[in-house]
């Protein structure tokens, strides 16, 4: 299992896709909960850290 270091501005690819079809999410807030913004439609969600860690496929660091 790969351990990632999550930071604001990174783009995370999750296992399941959002209903708009995108699997990529931008990290807006890091803590016990993450605030993620869908790269496809811009929808924002709050999700528990453990769920993000469990469902992460890839992590692209900000430029």
Foldseek 3Di string as FASTA:
>chain_A
DDDDDDDQQKKWFFDDADPLGARIWGWHDDDQWTWTATPRPGDIDIGGPVVSRVGTDDIGDHD
